[in-house]
Amino acid sequence: MSTTTKPYAPGTPCWVDLMAKDQQAALDFYKDVFGWAGEPGPAEFGGYAVMELGGRPVCGIGPAMAPEGMPEPPHVWTTYLASDDADATSKRIKDAHGTVMFEPMDVGNLGRMLVAADPTGAVFGVWGHKEFFGAVAVNEPGSLCWNECNTRDVPAAAAFYDAAMGVKAVAMDQMPGYFGLEVGGKTVGGLQDMGSNFPAEVPPHWMTWFCVDDTDATVDAAVKRGATVVVPPMDIPPGRMAGIQDPWGAVFCVLKLAVQPS
């Protein structure tokens, strides 16, 4: 069991969520696959459901909604990077040639958030914590274990996240062409060139990875519930992974860690 008990350092991935086309169907699918608990929340938060693992927040699933005149958000998992000041972060994003898609807004007393895109097109969120700092259950089966920026311009993305979020891209020796994203000397995520590993029509994006205790069994369970396998189970240095697309189009990865974190 791995539990986070204090706010994440600025620039660290701290939360992921899904704005679902069919919230109840998505809740049922992910509960079955990962064993999460959670129900639609109060109307004041738009029915947003905080999903829990053993009573600890792990991620969010909300209904896809948009302000009047705005397009409905896509059915994708969004990674949120921690911030001590969402408004100041918004300014740095713009100064670093990123695009703020949704300006900072309060989420009750829980925090202040925004949604942005880096200069290469990868969309991410920023969470300025108040009473809620993000995922509590992490790095154990059924919880978030990795967040990865996939881009077609690594130098531009690396320069942006350094300037806007204070996140450094550092080459990883055991994985040629792959970069660890570091905050205060600690690796908190990954960055890689999409190259030929992704079809040309796939845009730059942040990928969400969830830990599992059996990659192959998780893939089988997801497929039985209508999911599609986009990357078959395979072994990589950190463990055994697979890529899954849920029945509505959101892609995520699962990973059985070769070495469990202490």
Protein backbone atom coordinates (compact mmCIF):
# COMPACT_ATOMS: atom_id res chain seq x y z
CA MET A 1 0.00 0.00 0.00
CA SER A 2 1.32 3.45 -0.93
CA THR A 3 -0.38 6.52 0.50
CA THR A 4 0.43 10.17 -0.13
CA THR A 5 -0.35 12.39 2.84
CA LYS A 6 0.90 15.84 1.88
CA PRO A 7 0.65 18.19 -1.12
CA TYR A 8 2.68 17.32 -4.19
CA ALA A 9 5.68 19.44 -5.13
CA PRO A 10 4.83 21.96 -7.88
CA GLY A 11 5.14 20.39 -11.32
CA THR A 12 4.44 16.86 -10.09
CA PRO A 13 1.52 14.93 -11.63
CA CYS A 14 -0.99 14.88 -8.78
CA TRP A 15 -4.35 13.85 -10.27
CA VAL A 16 -6.01 12.41 -13.34
CA ASP A 17 -9.61 12.55 -14.43
CA LEU A 18 -11.95 11.53 -17.20
CA MET A 19 -14.83 13.61 -18.52
CA ALA A 20 -17.06 10.77 -19.65
CA LYS A 21 -19.63 10.78 -22.43
CA ASP A 22 -21.69 8.36 -20.31
CA GLN A 23 -20.61 8.86 -16.72
CA GLN A 24 -22.51 5.96 -15.17
CA ALA A 25 -21.32 3.52 -17.83
CA ALA A 26 -17.74 4.73 -17.31
CA LEU A 27 -18.08 4.36 -13.54
CA ASP A 28 -19.28 0.78 -13.98
CA PHE A 29 -16.50 -0.09 -16.45
CA TYR A 30 -13.64 1.26 -14.34
CA LYS A 31 -15.05 -0.15 -11.10
CA ASP A 32 -15.07 -3.58 -12.71
CA VAL A 33 -11.55 -3.24 -14.13
CA PHE A 34 -9.77 -1.60 -11.18
CA GLY A 35 -12.01 -2.23 -8.17
CA TRP A 36 -12.68 1.45 -7.54
CA ALA A 37 -15.57 2.79 -5.48
CA GLY A 38 -17.33 6.05 -6.29
CA GLU A 39 -20.67 7.60 -7.18
CA PRO A 40 -21.76 10.81 -8.93
CA GLY A 41 -21.08 13.75 -6.64
CA PRO A 42 -23.19 16.75 -5.65
CA ALA A 43 -24.70 19.09 -8.22
CA GLU A 44 -22.50 21.98 -7.03
CA PHE A 45 -19.52 20.05 -8.45
CA GLY A 46 -21.34 19.01 -11.62
CA GLY A 47 -21.82 15.43 -10.45
CA TYR A 48 -18.06 14.83 -10.48
CA ALA A 49 -17.21 11.47 -8.91
CA VAL A 50 -14.04 11.05 -6.85
CA MET A 51 -13.00 7.42 -7.27
CA GLU A 52 -11.48 5.70 -4.27
CA LEU A 53 -9.37 2.65 -3.56
CA GLY A 54 -9.67 1.43 0.00
CA GLY A 55 -11.29 4.74 0.95
CA ARG A 56 -8.44 6.82 -0.54
CA PRO A 57 -8.92 9.14 -3.56
CA VAL A 58 -7.26 7.83 -6.71
CA CYS A 59 -8.80 9.75 -9.65
CA GLY A 60 -11.98 11.45 -10.89
CA ILE A 61 -14.71 10.62 -13.40
CA GLY A 62 -17.15 13.38 -14.31
CA PRO A 63 -19.87 13.88 -16.90
CA ALA A 64 -18.73 15.59 -20.09
CA MET A 65 -20.03 19.15 -19.89
CA ALA A 66 -18.99 22.47 -21.38
CA PRO A 67 -19.92 26.13 -20.90
CA GLU A 68 -22.55 27.39 -23.31
CA GLY A 69 -21.10 27.88 -26.77
CA MET A 70 -18.06 25.69 -26.04
CA PRO A 71 -17.46 22.20 -27.46
CA GLU A 72 -17.92 19.20 -25.19
CA PRO A 73 -14.57 18.01 -23.78
CA PRO A 74 -13.15 14.86 -25.39
CA HIS A 75 -13.45 11.52 -23.62
CA VAL A 76 -9.80 11.31 -22.52
CA TRP A 77 -7.80 10.93 -19.33
CA THR A 78 -6.27 14.28 -18.32
CA THR A 79 -3.11 14.61 -16.22
CA TYR A 80 -2.96 17.49 -13.70
CA LEU A 81 0.34 18.97 -12.57
CA ALA A 82 0.52 20.39 -9.06
CA SER A 83 0.85 24.12 -8.45
CA ASP A 84 1.10 26.38 -5.41
CA ASP A 85 -0.50 29.20 -7.38
CA ALA A 86 -2.66 28.39 -10.42
CA ASP A 87 -2.84 32.01 -11.56
CA ALA A 88 0.93 32.48 -11.52
CA THR A 89 1.32 29.16 -13.30
CA SER A 90 -1.15 30.30 -15.96
CA LYS A 91 1.02 33.35 -16.65
CA ARG A 92 4.18 31.23 -16.91
CA ILE A 93 2.44 28.87 -19.33
CA LYS A 94 1.56 31.78 -21.60
CA ASP A 95 5.03 33.30 -21.29
CA ALA A 96 6.52 29.92 -22.30
CA HIS A 97 4.34 29.86 -25.45
CA GLY A 98 1.78 27.40 -24.12
CA THR A 99 -1.96 27.91 -24.55
CA VAL A 100 -4.36 28.25 -21.63
CA MET A 101 -7.57 26.65 -22.86
CA PHE A 102 -9.60 27.15 -19.69
CA GLU A 103 -8.54 30.00 -17.44
CA PRO A 104 -8.02 29.40 -13.71
CA MET A 105 -11.27 28.69 -11.86
CA ASP A 106 -12.14 27.76 -8.30
CA VAL A 107 -13.50 24.31 -7.51
CA GLY A 108 -15.28 25.15 -4.28
CA ASN A 109 -12.78 25.21 -1.42
CA LEU A 110 -10.94 22.22 -2.86
CA GLY A 111 -8.57 24.03 -5.20
CA ARG A 112 -8.11 26.16 -8.28
CA MET A 113 -7.61 24.60 -11.70
CA LEU A 114 -6.90 25.35 -15.34
CA VAL A 115 -6.44 23.37 -18.55
CA ALA A 116 -3.64 24.16 -21.00
CA ALA A 117 -1.70 22.81 -23.96
CA ASP A 118 2.06 22.84 -24.33
CA PRO A 119 3.58 24.32 -27.53
CA THR A 120 3.63 20.86 -29.16
CA GLY A 121 -0.10 20.33 -28.56
CA ALA A 122 -0.19 18.02 -25.52
CA VAL A 123 -3.08 18.99 -23.23
CA PHE A 124 -2.71 18.91 -19.44
CA GLY A 125 -4.35 20.37 -16.38
CA VAL A 126 -2.96 22.35 -13.47
CA TRP A 127 -4.24 21.83 -9.94
CA GLY A 128 -3.63 24.56 -7.39
CA HIS A 129 -4.50 22.78 -4.17
CA LYS A 130 -6.43 24.19 -1.25
CA GLU A 131 -8.30 21.63 0.85
CA PHE A 132 -7.68 18.79 -1.66
CA PHE A 133 -4.17 18.08 -2.94
CA GLY A 134 -4.82 15.14 -5.29
CA ALA A 135 -4.38 11.37 -5.37
CA VAL A 136 -3.83 9.71 -2.01
CA ALA A 137 -3.56 6.09 -3.20
CA VAL A 138 -0.64 5.78 -5.65
CA ASN A 139 1.85 3.20 -6.92
CA GLU A 140 -0.19 0.15 -5.97
CA PRO A 141 -2.58 -2.04 -7.97
CA GLY A 142 -5.61 -0.02 -8.99
CA SER A 143 -3.95 3.38 -8.62
CA LEU A 144 -1.97 5.91 -10.62
CA CYS A 145 1.69 5.00 -11.08
CA TRP A 146 3.02 7.04 -14.03
CA ASN A 147 2.24 10.01 -16.26
CA GLU A 148 3.96 10.45 -19.59
CA CYS A 149 4.09 13.26 -22.13
CA ASN A 150 4.22 11.92 -25.68
CA THR A 151 5.28 14.60 -28.15
CA ARG A 152 6.67 15.09 -31.64
CA ASP A 153 9.13 17.76 -30.49
CA VAL A 154 11.02 16.74 -27.36
CA PRO A 155 13.29 19.83 -27.17
CA ALA A 156 10.30 22.20 -27.38
CA ALA A 157 8.31 20.24 -24.81
CA ALA A 158 11.28 19.95 -22.44
CA ALA A 159 11.99 23.68 -22.61
CA PHE A 160 8.33 24.48 -21.98
CA TYR A 161 7.85 22.31 -18.90
CA ASP A 162 11.09 23.63 -17.43
CA ALA A 163 10.07 27.27 -17.94
CA ALA A 164 6.38 26.91 -17.05
CA MET A 165 6.43 24.25 -14.33
CA GLY A 166 10.02 23.92 -13.16
CA VAL A 167 10.17 20.33 -14.44
CA LYS A 168 13.49 19.10 -15.87
CA ALA A 169 13.79 16.49 -18.64
CA VAL A 170 16.68 14.10 -17.97
CA ALA A 171 17.77 11.22 -20.24
CA MET A 172 17.17 7.78 -18.70
CA ASP A 173 20.13 5.44 -19.18
CA GLN A 174 18.16 2.19 -19.24
CA MET A 175 15.67 3.50 -21.82
CA PRO A 176 17.42 5.15 -24.82
CA GLY A 177 15.42 8.05 -26.23
CA TYR A 178 13.29 8.30 -23.10
CA PHE A 179 13.47 11.18 -20.63
CA GLY A 180 12.51 11.29 -17.00
CA LEU A 181 10.71 14.42 -15.82
CA GLU A 182 12.29 15.54 -12.57
CA VAL A 183 11.10 17.84 -9.80
CA GLY A 184 13.70 18.64 -7.17
CA GLY A 185 15.87 15.77 -8.40
CA LYS A 186 13.03 13.23 -8.12
CA THR A 187 11.65 11.51 -11.23
CA VAL A 188 7.90 12.16 -11.35
CA GLY A 189 6.99 11.31 -14.94
CA GLY A 190 8.24 10.66 -18.45
CA LEU A 191 8.74 12.39 -21.80
CA GLN A 192 9.33 10.74 -25.17
CA ASP A 193 9.23 11.38 -28.89
CA MET A 194 6.19 9.72 -30.45
CA GLY A 195 8.19 8.84 -33.56
CA SER A 196 6.94 5.75 -35.39
CA ASN A 197 5.45 4.27 -32.22
CA PHE A 198 2.22 6.20 -32.75
CA PRO A 199 0.09 6.55 -35.89
CA ALA A 200 0.51 9.90 -37.60
CA GLU A 201 -3.05 10.93 -36.78
CA VAL A 202 -2.48 10.61 -33.00
CA PRO A 203 -1.75 14.08 -31.56
CA PRO A 204 0.74 14.81 -28.78
CA HIS A 205 -0.78 13.91 -25.43
CA TRP A 206 -0.23 12.97 -21.80
CA MET A 207 -0.73 9.28 -21.08
CA THR A 208 -2.09 7.97 -17.78
CA TRP A 209 -0.67 4.72 -16.38
CA PHE A 210 -2.36 2.65 -13.67
CA CYS A 211 -0.69 -0.08 -11.62
CA VAL A 212 -2.16 -3.58 -11.73
CA ASP A 213 -1.23 -6.86 -10.09
CA ASP A 214 -1.64 -8.85 -13.34
CA THR A 215 -1.36 -7.07 -16.69
CA ASP A 216 -2.70 -9.93 -18.83
CA ALA A 217 -5.68 -10.56 -16.55
CA THR A 218 -6.52 -6.84 -16.49
CA VAL A 219 -6.46 -6.71 -20.29
CA ASP A 220 -8.76 -9.74 -20.47
CA ALA A 221 -11.17 -8.19 -17.96
CA ALA A 222 -11.26 -4.88 -19.85
CA VAL A 223 -11.86 -6.57 -23.21
CA LYS A 224 -14.75 -8.58 -21.77
CA ARG A 225 -16.32 -5.25 -20.80
CA GLY A 226 -16.00 -3.75 -24.28
CA ALA A 227 -12.47 -2.31 -24.30
CA THR A 228 -9.94 -2.62 -27.13
CA VAL A 229 -6.28 -3.56 -26.82
CA VAL A 230 -4.08 -0.94 -28.50
CA VAL A 231 -0.74 -2.24 -27.17
CA PRO A 232 -0.68 -5.98 -26.35
CA PRO A 233 0.93 -7.01 -23.06
CA MET A 234 4.70 -6.74 -23.28
CA ASP A 235 7.70 -6.58 -20.97
CA ILE A 236 9.59 -3.29 -20.57
CA PRO A 237 12.30 -2.33 -18.04
CA PRO A 238 9.83 -1.13 -15.34
CA GLY A 239 7.59 -4.22 -15.64
CA ARG A 240 4.84 -5.66 -17.83
CA MET A 241 2.59 -3.14 -19.60
CA ALA A 242 -0.32 -2.91 -22.02
CA GLY A 243 -2.32 -0.14 -23.67
CA ILE A 244 -6.12 -0.22 -23.45
CA GLN A 245 -8.84 1.89 -25.08
CA ASP A 246 -12.07 2.03 -23.10
CA PRO A 247 -15.43 1.51 -24.88
CA TRP A 248 -15.78 5.27 -25.52
CA GLY A 249 -12.29 5.94 -26.85
CA ALA A 250 -10.09 6.95 -23.88
CA VAL A 251 -6.69 5.28 -23.95
CA PHE A 252 -4.71 4.42 -20.82
CA CYS A 253 -1.85 2.10 -19.94
CA VAL A 254 -1.58 -0.53 -17.24
CA LEU A 255 1.64 -1.73 -15.67
CA LYS A 256 2.62 -4.50 -13.30
CA LEU A 257 5.74 -3.09 -11.68
CA ALA A 258 8.76 -5.39 -11.76
CA VAL A 259 9.87 -3.96 -8.41
CA GLN A 260 7.26 -2.72 -5.96
CA PRO A 261 8.05 0.70 -4.44
CA SER A 262 9.01 0.65 -0.79
